[in-house]
Amino acid sequence: MSMFAAVVTTEERMITAYNKRRLSLVIHNNGTARVFVSQDPANIAANGFPLDPGWSIGLQTVEGDEPALPIYGVSSSGSQDVRVVEQYGKLESEAV
């Protein structure tokens, strides 16, 4: 498991890079303004998932999500504190 903080600003940026071993991902808006997150870097504010302060989003492979894909973010105002938790495991093709 990996936990880290990231800063999301009014300029679109990558929060997490692609990682094929990531099985789950939680992003929590620990800031004071809304942030938007998306797996598509194009027009995140208009098309991304909104996270108000104190809100989180979780993605899990077992639920059919794609947490391995990169996640991009942008804030509606200023620099926002975002917390990330990633969980890793063996790929199904690597299981014995």
Protein backbone atom coordinates (compact mmCIF):
# COMPACT_ATOMS: atom_id res chain seq x y z
CA MET A 1 0.00 0.00 0.00
CA SER A 2 1.15 3.51 -0.76
CA MET A 3 -0.16 6.76 0.73
CA PHE A 4 0.84 10.24 -0.33
CA ALA A 5 -0.29 13.84 -0.62
CA ALA A 6 -0.56 15.73 -3.89
CA VAL A 7 -1.29 19.35 -4.73
CA VAL A 8 -4.00 20.03 -7.31
CA THR A 9 -4.09 23.53 -8.78
CA THR A 10 -6.13 25.38 -11.39
CA GLU A 11 -3.79 23.93 -14.03
CA GLU A 12 -4.59 20.39 -15.11
CA ARG A 13 -2.01 17.89 -13.87
CA MET A 14 -1.45 14.17 -13.34
CA ILE A 15 -2.11 12.93 -9.80
CA THR A 16 -1.18 9.27 -10.39
CA ALA A 17 0.63 7.67 -13.32
CA TYR A 18 -0.40 4.41 -15.01
CA ASN A 19 0.52 1.36 -12.93
CA LYS A 20 -0.72 -2.04 -14.09
CA ARG A 21 -0.24 -3.51 -10.58
CA ARG A 22 -2.56 -0.98 -8.86
CA LEU A 23 -5.71 -2.84 -7.75
CA SER A 24 -7.42 -0.03 -5.89
CA LEU A 25 -7.15 3.71 -5.54
CA VAL A 26 -8.78 6.26 -3.23
CA ILE A 27 -8.50 10.01 -3.82
CA HIS A 28 -9.64 12.31 -1.00
CA ASN A 29 -10.09 16.08 -1.31
CA ASN A 30 -8.45 17.35 1.88
CA GLY A 31 -8.54 20.94 0.60
CA THR A 32 -10.95 23.84 0.88
CA ALA A 33 -12.31 24.04 -2.69
CA ARG A 34 -13.81 21.63 -5.20
CA VAL A 35 -11.45 19.52 -7.30
CA PHE A 36 -12.27 17.53 -10.41
CA VAL A 37 -10.64 14.19 -11.27
CA SER A 38 -10.67 12.17 -14.46
CA GLN A 39 -8.87 9.39 -16.28
CA ASP A 40 -9.04 11.57 -19.39
CA PRO A 41 -6.73 14.62 -19.36
CA ALA A 42 -8.95 16.57 -21.76
CA ASN A 43 -11.16 19.24 -20.19
CA ILE A 44 -11.16 17.83 -16.65
CA ALA A 45 -13.18 20.70 -15.12
CA ALA A 46 -16.07 20.15 -17.54
CA ASN A 47 -16.00 16.36 -17.76
CA GLY A 48 -14.30 15.19 -14.57
CA PHE A 49 -15.82 13.85 -11.36
CA PRO A 50 -16.34 16.67 -8.83
CA LEU A 51 -14.97 16.19 -5.30
CA ASP A 52 -16.09 18.79 -2.80
CA PRO A 53 -13.90 19.37 0.28
CA GLY A 54 -14.00 16.26 2.46
CA TRP A 55 -15.24 13.98 -0.34
CA SER A 56 -13.44 10.90 -1.71
CA ILE A 57 -13.66 8.61 -4.71
CA GLY A 58 -12.54 4.99 -4.78
CA LEU A 59 -11.75 2.75 -7.73
CA GLN A 60 -11.36 -1.03 -7.42
CA THR A 61 -10.46 -3.63 -10.01
CA VAL A 62 -12.85 -6.15 -8.38
CA GLU A 63 -15.73 -3.71 -9.00
CA GLY A 64 -14.88 -3.43 -12.70
CA ASP A 65 -13.13 -0.06 -12.33
CA GLU A 66 -9.76 0.75 -13.88
CA PRO A 67 -7.57 2.07 -11.04
CA ALA A 68 -4.43 1.25 -13.04
CA LEU A 69 -5.08 4.15 -15.42
CA PRO A 70 -3.58 7.58 -14.74
CA ILE A 71 -5.69 10.08 -12.83
CA TYR A 72 -5.66 13.79 -13.64
CA GLY A 73 -6.96 16.63 -11.52
CA VAL A 74 -7.73 20.34 -11.52
CA SER A 75 -9.08 22.61 -8.79
CA SER A 76 -11.82 25.18 -9.07
CA SER A 77 -9.74 27.60 -6.98
CA GLY A 78 -6.17 27.85 -5.70
CA SER A 79 -3.92 24.99 -4.60
CA GLN A 80 -5.75 22.08 -2.99
CA ASP A 81 -4.45 19.27 -0.78
CA VAL A 82 -5.41 15.86 -2.16
CA ARG A 83 -4.60 12.57 -0.41
CA VAL A 84 -4.09 9.32 -2.31
CA VAL A 85 -4.10 5.69 -1.16
CA GLU A 86 -3.03 3.01 -3.65
CA GLN A 87 -3.15 -0.74 -3.10
CA TYR A 88 -1.12 -3.15 -5.19
CA GLY A 89 -1.20 -6.87 -5.81
CA LYS A 90 -0.32 -9.58 -8.24
CA LEU A 91 -2.03 -9.50 -11.58
CA GLU A 92 -4.50 -12.31 -12.23
CA SER A 93 -2.17 -13.64 -14.95
CA GLU A 94 0.62 -13.89 -12.32
CA ALA A 95 -1.46 -15.88 -9.80
CA VAL A 96 -0.19 -19.37 -9.09
